[in-house]
Amino acid sequence: MLTKTDFIQYLNCPESLWLAKNKSKVFDKYKGKFSLFLEKLIKEGYEVEEYAKRLFPLGIELPENSSPEYTSQQLLTNNNIFFQPSFVTDNNEFARVDILEKLNNNTFHLYEIKSTTSVKKEKLEDACFQKYVLNECGYKVSKVSIIHLNKEYIKNGDIVPEELIEIVDVTEQIDGIYSSTVSKIKAASNFINEKTINENKCSCRYKTRSNHCDTFKYFNKDVPEYSIYEIERISSPKITQLVDNNQLSILDVPLNFSLNPKQKAQVESVRQMEALVNSHNIHGVLSNLKFPLHFIDYETYASAIPKADGISPHKHLVFQVSIHTLNENNEIKHFEWIGDRIELPTDMIHKMESFTGHTGTFISWYAPFEKSRNNDMIQWLPEFKSYLDFINNNMFDLMSVFKKNYNCY
């Protein structure tokens, strides 16, 4: 059976999907654990779904895991809106639709619910999959909409579904990609039913490391430990060029191969099997920092449905901060704060300002994150704008030292 989730996996890596369908025990060994973060995303998806359903008060909830046969019976009733109807084609392609509306002209309006704040291309492809399955089952889908979160919504008291949720008509976009997507769906159905495939490589071989499938190591056993995929920010076209020349190890990269200075230094570090450190530059950078040095780190919680008043969907709410302050005399002081309830961190910022004052340099690892959190808090708590602006204007990113002056194999 091919589901919507399977189809998206096929688009990412056909071979990985084949392995999941045909050698599930092998696939399970490589796919990794089901993380708490993924569990959180799934729960948030259900939460968004519940708010979306409130926009359709006359909707009928079909029983969980009800059969396509049961759905077909319900579609013959006088009800017009159905939650979670299921369908399966003769070719074993299966869809469970979030919301389906029966229109007066005997066609259907299909709604896909997303916990994002915008409509992305890949979300159109999975909505297209749903439409295809319904059409194949004899139900004409004349309209398709994506339901997603309104990024401009700000919580103030109880959640207002009509303000939290946006419905976007994507019928024209779906029509524009329908034919090509159907071809991919049919190809996916055929592919997972192949008796055998080449299990010595997968499509991810030509992609950057962050886009590799879970089973990359199974399919690409010839890829060494220090491989070309470890080269920082190497592009897919350059990976393709190296793979086609069977140059999979960093040591295989030709000396005249086009790389930026950082990438060249990384390759050279592997060749020499030692870290390449520009101590002179590092000393120069660090010696210009103004004391006291405040080593700062935020911990945040982001949720699709805002939990605190003043917050928008998916915004990071700072609930913890740790600051170690180093003075010129090598004295170290520590400040920490952790919230005990979900609310704007007014008390935290007030105590931070009392601890650090408007002095010195704030040091973080990957400063854009801390700066973005400060910018968010300026919007929520403008009374602290002067202090938070001072932090951002006097922030040093410790990562920059390692990105520019330290290369390790």
Protein backbone atom coordinates (compact mmCIF):
# COMPACT_ATOMS: atom_id res chain seq x y z
CA MET A 1 0.00 0.00 0.00
CA LEU A 2 1.19 3.51 -0.84
CA THR A 3 0.14 6.28 1.55
CA LYS A 4 0.65 10.03 1.37
CA THR A 5 3.54 9.73 3.82
CA ASP A 6 5.06 6.97 1.70
CA PHE A 7 4.79 9.14 -1.39
CA ILE A 8 6.66 12.01 0.26
CA GLN A 9 9.34 9.55 1.34
CA TYR A 10 9.54 8.31 -2.25
CA LEU A 11 10.11 11.87 -3.48
CA ASN A 12 12.98 12.19 -0.99
CA CYS A 13 14.53 8.78 -1.59
CA PRO A 14 12.80 6.00 -3.59
CA GLU A 15 15.26 3.33 -2.46
CA SER A 16 14.67 4.06 1.22
CA LEU A 17 10.92 3.62 0.73
CA TRP A 18 11.48 0.35 -1.15
CA LEU A 19 13.54 -0.93 1.76
CA ALA A 20 10.82 0.05 4.24
CA LYS A 21 8.20 -1.80 2.22
CA ASN A 22 10.19 -4.87 1.24
CA LYS A 23 12.78 -5.36 4.01
CA SER A 24 11.18 -3.68 6.99
CA LYS A 25 13.47 -5.33 9.56
CA VAL A 26 16.54 -4.01 7.77
CA PHE A 27 14.95 -0.57 7.43
CA ASP A 28 14.08 -0.48 11.14
CA LYS A 29 17.73 -1.09 12.05
CA TYR A 30 18.80 2.07 10.23
CA LYS A 31 15.89 4.47 10.54
CA GLY A 32 16.80 5.64 14.03
CA LYS A 33 14.72 6.13 17.13
CA PHE A 34 11.43 7.97 17.25
CA SER A 35 12.61 11.15 18.97
CA LEU A 36 10.73 13.19 21.54
CA PHE A 37 10.96 16.11 19.11
CA LEU A 38 9.14 14.17 16.39
CA GLU A 39 6.56 13.09 18.95
CA LYS A 40 6.08 16.75 19.86
CA LEU A 41 5.53 17.67 16.20
CA ILE A 42 2.91 14.96 15.79
CA LYS A 43 1.05 16.08 18.90
CA GLU A 44 1.11 19.67 17.67
CA GLY A 45 -0.31 18.52 14.35
CA TYR A 46 -3.24 16.94 16.15
CA GLU A 47 -3.71 20.12 18.19
CA VAL A 48 -3.85 22.31 15.08
CA GLU A 49 -6.27 19.83 13.55
CA GLU A 50 -8.64 20.19 16.50
CA TYR A 51 -8.74 23.97 16.14
CA ALA A 52 -9.24 23.70 12.38
CA LYS A 53 -12.23 21.42 12.87
CA ARG A 54 -13.92 24.11 14.95
CA LEU A 55 -14.32 26.11 11.75
CA PHE A 56 -16.65 23.35 10.54
CA PRO A 57 -19.21 22.91 13.36
CA LEU A 58 -21.41 20.62 11.25
CA GLY A 59 -18.57 18.24 10.43
CA ILE A 60 -18.98 14.53 11.09
CA GLU A 61 -16.05 12.74 12.76
CA LEU A 62 -15.60 9.31 11.23
CA PRO A 63 -14.30 6.63 13.61
CA GLU A 64 -10.53 6.32 13.85
CA ASN A 65 -9.21 3.74 11.38
CA SER A 66 -12.60 3.33 9.76
CA SER A 67 -12.52 1.56 6.41
CA PRO A 68 -12.91 3.09 2.95
CA GLU A 69 -16.14 1.07 2.68
CA TYR A 70 -17.49 2.85 5.74
CA THR A 71 -16.52 6.19 4.20
CA SER A 72 -18.39 5.43 1.00
CA GLN A 73 -21.52 4.67 3.04
CA GLN A 74 -21.23 7.94 4.96
CA LEU A 75 -20.83 9.96 1.77
CA LEU A 76 -24.30 8.79 0.74
CA THR A 77 -25.91 10.39 3.80
CA ASN A 78 -27.25 13.94 4.07
CA ASN A 79 -24.11 15.10 5.86
CA ASN A 80 -21.85 17.44 3.90
CA ILE A 81 -18.61 17.71 5.89
CA PHE A 82 -16.52 14.74 7.01
CA PHE A 83 -13.44 14.48 9.19
CA GLN A 84 -10.89 11.74 8.40
CA PRO A 85 -12.67 9.89 5.55
CA SER A 86 -10.50 7.20 3.97
CA PHE A 87 -10.12 5.97 0.41
CA VAL A 88 -8.14 3.29 -1.41
CA THR A 89 -7.63 2.84 -5.16
CA ASP A 90 -7.59 -0.40 -7.12
CA ASN A 91 -3.82 0.04 -7.27
CA ASN A 92 -3.62 0.09 -3.44
CA GLU A 93 -2.95 3.80 -3.01
CA PHE A 94 -4.46 4.93 0.27
CA ALA A 95 -5.55 8.36 1.51
CA ARG A 96 -7.10 9.57 4.74
CA VAL A 97 -8.34 13.12 4.19
CA ASP A 98 -8.31 15.70 6.99
CA ILE A 99 -11.57 17.39 5.99
CA LEU A 100 -13.81 16.67 3.01
CA GLU A 101 -16.77 18.80 2.00
CA LYS A 102 -19.51 17.53 -0.31
CA LEU A 103 -20.60 20.35 -2.64
CA ASN A 104 -23.99 20.93 -4.23
CA ASN A 105 -22.76 20.01 -7.72
CA ASN A 106 -21.82 16.48 -6.56
CA THR A 107 -18.12 17.34 -6.45
CA PHE A 108 -15.88 17.65 -3.38
CA HIS A 109 -13.76 20.25 -1.63
CA LEU A 110 -10.65 18.69 -0.10
CA TYR A 111 -8.92 20.37 2.87
CA GLU A 112 -5.41 19.53 4.05
CA ILE A 113 -4.43 20.74 7.53
CA LYS A 114 -0.83 21.84 8.14
CA SER A 115 0.79 23.07 11.35
CA THR A 116 3.00 25.46 9.36
CA THR A 117 2.43 29.18 8.86
CA SER A 118 2.66 29.10 5.06
CA VAL A 119 1.91 26.93 2.03
CA LYS A 120 5.02 25.11 0.84
CA LYS A 121 5.54 23.30 -2.47
CA GLU A 122 5.88 19.87 -0.84
CA LYS A 123 2.57 20.43 0.92
CA LEU A 124 0.96 20.87 -2.48
CA GLU A 125 2.34 17.54 -3.64
CA ASP A 126 0.83 15.63 -0.75
CA ALA A 127 -2.51 17.42 -1.25
CA CYS A 128 -2.23 16.43 -4.90
CA PHE A 129 -1.78 12.83 -3.79
CA GLN A 130 -5.03 13.02 -1.82
CA LYS A 131 -6.89 14.45 -4.78
CA TYR A 132 -5.56 11.73 -7.08
CA VAL A 133 -6.74 8.95 -4.77
CA LEU A 134 -10.23 10.42 -4.52
CA ASN A 135 -10.45 10.89 -8.27
CA GLU A 136 -9.34 7.30 -8.83
CA CYS A 137 -12.10 6.18 -6.46
CA GLY A 138 -14.71 8.00 -8.54
CA TYR A 139 -15.06 11.17 -6.44
CA LYS A 140 -14.42 14.35 -8.38
CA VAL A 141 -12.41 16.90 -6.42
CA SER A 142 -13.19 20.37 -7.81
CA LYS A 143 -11.51 22.42 -5.09
CA VAL A 144 -8.47 22.00 -2.84
CA SER A 145 -7.51 24.19 0.13
CA ILE A 146 -4.67 24.19 2.61
CA ILE A 147 -5.52 25.05 6.19
CA HIS A 148 -2.55 26.48 8.08
CA LEU A 149 -1.66 28.74 10.99
CA ASN A 150 -1.82 32.53 10.68
CA LYS A 151 1.70 33.75 11.47
CA GLU A 152 0.31 37.18 12.40
CA TYR A 153 -2.00 35.78 15.08
CA ILE A 154 -1.12 36.86 18.62
CA LYS A 155 -2.62 35.00 21.55
CA ASN A 156 -4.62 37.14 23.94
CA GLY A 157 -6.62 35.00 26.30
CA ASP A 158 -8.46 32.02 24.84
CA ILE A 159 -7.46 30.88 21.35
CA VAL A 160 -9.79 32.21 18.65
CA PRO A 161 -9.86 29.53 15.89
CA GLU A 162 -11.19 31.97 13.25
CA GLU A 163 -8.14 34.20 13.84
CA LEU A 164 -5.59 31.45 14.43
CA ILE A 165 -6.41 29.49 11.27
CA GLU A 166 -6.16 30.52 7.61
CA ILE A 167 -7.71 28.70 4.66
CA VAL A 168 -5.91 29.12 1.34
CA ASP A 169 -7.41 28.01 -1.97
CA VAL A 170 -4.68 26.15 -3.87
CA THR A 171 -6.88 24.64 -6.59
CA GLU A 172 -5.01 26.36 -9.43
CA GLN A 173 -1.62 25.37 -8.07
CA ILE A 174 -2.78 21.78 -7.69
CA ASP A 175 -4.12 21.75 -11.25
CA GLY A 176 -0.75 23.04 -12.44
CA ILE A 177 1.22 20.14 -10.96
CA TYR A 178 -1.44 17.44 -11.06
CA SER A 179 -0.35 15.64 -14.21
CA SER A 180 3.33 15.49 -13.26
CA THR A 181 2.50 14.45 -9.69
CA VAL A 182 0.24 11.64 -10.89
CA SER A 183 3.14 10.32 -12.95
CA LYS A 184 5.30 10.31 -9.81
CA ILE A 185 2.58 8.55 -7.82
CA LYS A 186 2.31 5.79 -10.41
CA ALA A 187 6.08 5.49 -10.52
CA ALA A 188 6.16 5.18 -6.73
CA SER A 189 3.49 2.45 -6.75
CA ASN A 190 5.42 0.51 -9.37
CA PHE A 191 8.77 1.00 -7.64
CA ILE A 192 7.76 -0.37 -4.24
CA ASN A 193 6.49 -3.51 -5.98
CA GLU A 194 9.79 -4.22 -7.72
CA LYS A 195 11.14 -7.62 -6.70
CA THR A 196 14.69 -6.33 -6.44
CA ILE A 197 16.57 -3.05 -6.76
CA ASN A 198 20.23 -2.03 -6.68
CA GLU A 199 20.92 -1.95 -2.94
CA ASN A 200 24.46 -0.60 -3.36
CA LYS A 201 23.46 3.04 -3.75
CA CYS A 202 20.48 5.34 -3.28
CA SER A 203 19.38 8.66 -4.72
CA CYS A 204 20.73 10.52 -1.69
CA ARG A 205 24.22 9.77 -2.97
CA TYR A 206 24.00 13.01 -4.94
CA LYS A 207 22.59 15.12 -2.11
CA THR A 208 24.13 17.07 0.73
CA ARG A 209 24.45 15.33 4.09
CA SER A 210 21.46 17.13 5.67
CA ASN A 211 19.26 15.66 2.92
CA HIS A 212 20.37 12.05 3.30
CA CYS A 213 17.76 9.41 4.07
CA ASP A 214 17.85 7.38 7.28
CA THR A 215 19.17 4.36 5.40
CA PHE A 216 22.01 6.14 3.58
CA LYS A 217 24.70 4.01 5.24
CA TYR A 218 22.92 0.80 4.24
CA PHE A 219 22.80 1.72 0.56
CA ASN A 220 26.19 3.43 0.37
CA LYS A 221 28.58 1.18 2.24
CA ASP A 222 31.47 2.34 0.06
CA VAL A 223 31.31 5.85 1.50
CA PRO A 224 34.26 6.21 3.93
CA GLU A 225 34.23 7.88 7.35
CA TYR A 226 35.87 11.11 6.17
CA SER A 227 33.76 11.52 3.08
CA ILE A 228 33.05 14.40 0.75
CA TYR A 229 29.68 14.83 2.45
CA GLU A 230 31.51 16.15 5.53
CA ILE A 231 32.85 19.15 3.62
CA GLU A 232 31.10 22.19 5.04
CA ARG A 233 28.38 23.62 2.80
CA ILE A 234 29.45 21.66 -0.25
CA SER A 235 26.81 21.96 -2.97
CA SER A 236 24.91 19.16 -4.69
CA PRO A 237 26.46 19.93 -8.13
CA LYS A 238 29.95 19.56 -6.66
CA ILE A 239 28.95 16.36 -4.88
CA THR A 240 27.61 15.03 -8.18
CA GLN A 241 30.87 15.86 -9.93
CA LEU A 242 32.92 14.04 -7.31
CA VAL A 243 30.58 11.03 -7.05
CA ASP A 244 30.56 10.57 -10.83
CA ASN A 245 34.35 10.45 -10.69
CA ASN A 246 34.18 7.92 -7.83
CA GLN A 247 35.89 10.41 -5.52
CA LEU A 248 34.05 9.70 -2.28
CA SER A 249 36.74 10.31 0.32
CA ILE A 250 37.94 13.78 1.27
CA LEU A 251 41.41 12.49 0.38
CA ASP A 252 40.15 11.85 -3.17
CA VAL A 253 39.29 15.51 -3.75
CA PRO A 254 41.67 16.84 -6.44
CA LEU A 255 44.00 19.63 -5.38
CA ASN A 256 42.62 21.89 -8.11
CA PHE A 257 38.97 21.16 -7.29
CA SER A 258 36.90 24.33 -6.87
CA LEU A 259 36.29 24.91 -3.15
CA ASN A 260 36.05 28.00 -1.00
CA PRO A 261 38.90 28.79 1.45
CA LYS A 262 37.10 27.24 4.43
CA GLN A 263 36.43 24.03 2.50
CA LYS A 264 40.02 23.87 1.25
CA ALA A 265 41.31 24.24 4.81
CA GLN A 266 39.01 21.44 5.95
CA VAL A 267 40.28 19.12 3.20
CA GLU A 268 43.89 20.02 4.01
CA SER A 269 43.28 19.26 7.68
CA VAL A 270 42.22 15.73 6.73
CA ARG A 271 45.26 15.33 4.47
CA GLN A 272 47.59 16.34 7.31
CA MET A 273 45.53 14.46 9.92
CA GLU A 274 45.76 17.36 12.35
CA ALA A 275 43.88 20.50 13.25
CA LEU A 276 44.91 23.65 11.40
CA VAL A 277 44.82 26.51 13.90
CA ASN A 278 45.55 30.16 13.15
CA SER A 279 46.55 31.09 16.69
CA HIS A 280 47.62 34.58 15.70
CA ASN A 281 44.20 35.47 14.28
CA ILE A 282 42.36 33.86 17.18
CA HIS A 283 44.42 35.84 19.69
CA GLY A 284 43.78 39.03 17.74
CA VAL A 285 40.03 38.49 17.71
CA LEU A 286 39.72 37.52 21.37
CA SER A 287 42.00 40.31 22.59
CA ASN A 288 39.59 42.90 21.17
CA LEU A 289 36.69 41.72 23.29
CA LYS A 290 35.67 44.14 26.04
CA PHE A 291 35.43 42.91 29.62
CA PRO A 292 33.41 41.77 31.42
CA LEU A 293 32.68 38.80 29.18
CA HIS A 294 29.14 37.45 29.59
CA PHE A 295 28.82 33.89 28.26
CA ILE A 296 25.10 33.65 27.60
CA ASP A 297 22.84 30.78 26.59
CA TYR A 298 19.05 30.69 26.19
CA GLU A 299 16.76 27.68 26.30
CA THR A 300 13.45 28.05 24.50
CA TYR A 301 10.17 26.34 23.80
CA ALA A 302 8.38 26.79 20.48
CA SER A 303 4.90 25.46 19.80
CA ALA A 304 2.55 25.57 16.83
CA ILE A 305 -0.29 26.79 19.05
CA PRO A 306 0.98 29.71 21.17
CA LYS A 307 0.83 28.94 24.89
CA ALA A 308 1.47 32.41 26.35
CA ASP A 309 -0.35 35.67 25.73
CA GLY A 310 1.54 37.92 23.33
CA ILE A 311 3.05 35.01 21.40
CA SER A 312 2.47 34.00 17.75
CA PRO A 313 2.58 30.46 16.30
CA HIS A 314 5.99 28.77 16.36
CA LYS A 315 7.69 31.64 18.18
CA HIS A 316 10.43 30.65 20.62
CA LEU A 317 9.53 31.48 24.19
CA VAL A 318 12.66 31.84 26.35
CA PHE A 319 12.15 29.94 29.59
CA GLN A 320 15.74 29.65 30.81
CA VAL A 321 18.99 31.62 30.70
CA SER A 322 22.50 30.90 31.97
CA ILE A 323 25.18 33.61 32.16
CA HIS A 324 28.77 33.14 33.27
CA THR A 325 30.52 36.48 33.62
CA LEU A 326 34.32 36.66 33.47
CA ASN A 327 36.01 39.83 34.76
CA GLU A 328 39.50 41.06 33.82
CA ASN A 329 40.84 39.75 37.13
CA ASN A 330 39.65 36.22 36.14
CA GLU A 331 36.81 36.31 38.64
CA ILE A 332 33.77 34.34 37.43
CA LYS A 333 30.21 35.01 38.52
CA HIS A 334 27.18 33.02 37.52
CA PHE A 335 23.53 33.93 36.98
CA GLU A 336 20.74 31.56 36.06
CA TRP A 337 16.97 31.82 35.73
CA ILE A 338 14.35 29.25 34.86
CA GLY A 339 10.65 29.89 34.53
CA ASP A 340 8.11 27.89 36.49
CA ARG A 341 5.12 28.81 34.34
CA ILE A 342 4.37 29.60 30.70
CA GLU A 343 4.51 33.38 30.43
CA LEU A 344 6.61 36.15 28.91
CA PRO A 345 10.04 36.27 30.62
CA THR A 346 9.64 39.74 32.16
CA ASP A 347 11.22 38.70 35.45
CA MET A 348 14.12 37.02 33.64
CA ILE A 349 15.12 40.08 31.63
CA HIS A 350 14.79 42.37 34.64
CA LYS A 351 17.16 40.17 36.66
CA MET A 352 19.55 39.72 33.72
CA GLU A 353 19.87 43.49 33.40
CA SER A 354 20.53 43.83 37.12
CA PHE A 355 23.25 41.15 36.86
CA THR A 356 25.14 42.30 33.74
CA GLY A 357 24.24 45.94 33.39
CA HIS A 358 24.96 47.69 30.09
CA THR A 359 28.62 46.65 30.08
CA GLY A 360 31.04 44.31 28.36
CA THR A 361 30.64 41.72 25.65
CA PHE A 362 28.01 39.01 25.40
CA ILE A 363 29.37 35.74 24.01
CA SER A 364 27.26 32.95 22.59
CA TRP A 365 27.65 29.95 20.32
CA TYR A 366 25.80 30.80 17.08
CA ALA A 367 24.81 34.35 18.02
CA PRO A 368 21.97 34.68 15.45
CA PHE A 369 19.84 32.48 17.70
CA GLU A 370 20.26 34.60 20.82
CA LYS A 371 19.89 37.79 18.77
CA SER A 372 16.64 36.56 17.25
CA ARG A 373 15.28 35.74 20.70
CA ASN A 374 16.22 39.23 21.88
CA ASN A 375 14.45 40.78 18.90
CA ASP A 376 11.34 38.75 19.70
CA MET A 377 11.43 39.88 23.32
CA ILE A 378 11.82 43.51 22.22
CA GLN A 379 8.51 43.16 20.37
CA TRP A 380 6.79 41.50 23.31
CA LEU A 381 8.37 43.59 26.07
CA PRO A 382 9.40 46.96 24.56
CA GLU A 383 10.28 48.35 27.99
CA PHE A 384 13.50 46.29 27.78
CA LYS A 385 14.44 47.48 24.28
CA SER A 386 17.47 49.49 25.42
CA TYR A 387 19.00 46.57 27.29
CA LEU A 388 18.27 43.92 24.66
CA ASP A 389 19.58 46.19 21.90
CA PHE A 390 22.77 46.62 23.94
CA ILE A 391 23.19 42.85 24.12
CA ASN A 392 22.69 42.45 20.37
CA ASN A 393 25.05 45.34 19.54
CA ASN A 394 27.74 43.87 21.78
CA MET A 395 27.33 40.20 20.91
CA PHE A 396 30.27 38.05 19.84
CA ASP A 397 29.70 34.72 18.09
CA LEU A 398 32.23 32.22 19.42
CA MET A 399 31.44 29.99 16.45
CA SER A 400 33.14 32.51 14.16
CA VAL A 401 36.54 31.65 15.67
CA PHE A 402 36.15 28.03 14.66
CA LYS A 403 34.60 28.80 11.29
CA LYS A 404 37.46 31.07 10.23
CA ASN A 405 40.57 30.09 12.19
CA TYR A 406 40.19 26.49 13.33
CA ASN A 407 39.82 23.52 11.01
CA CYS A 408 39.76 19.99 12.32
CA TYR A 409 39.65 16.70 10.40
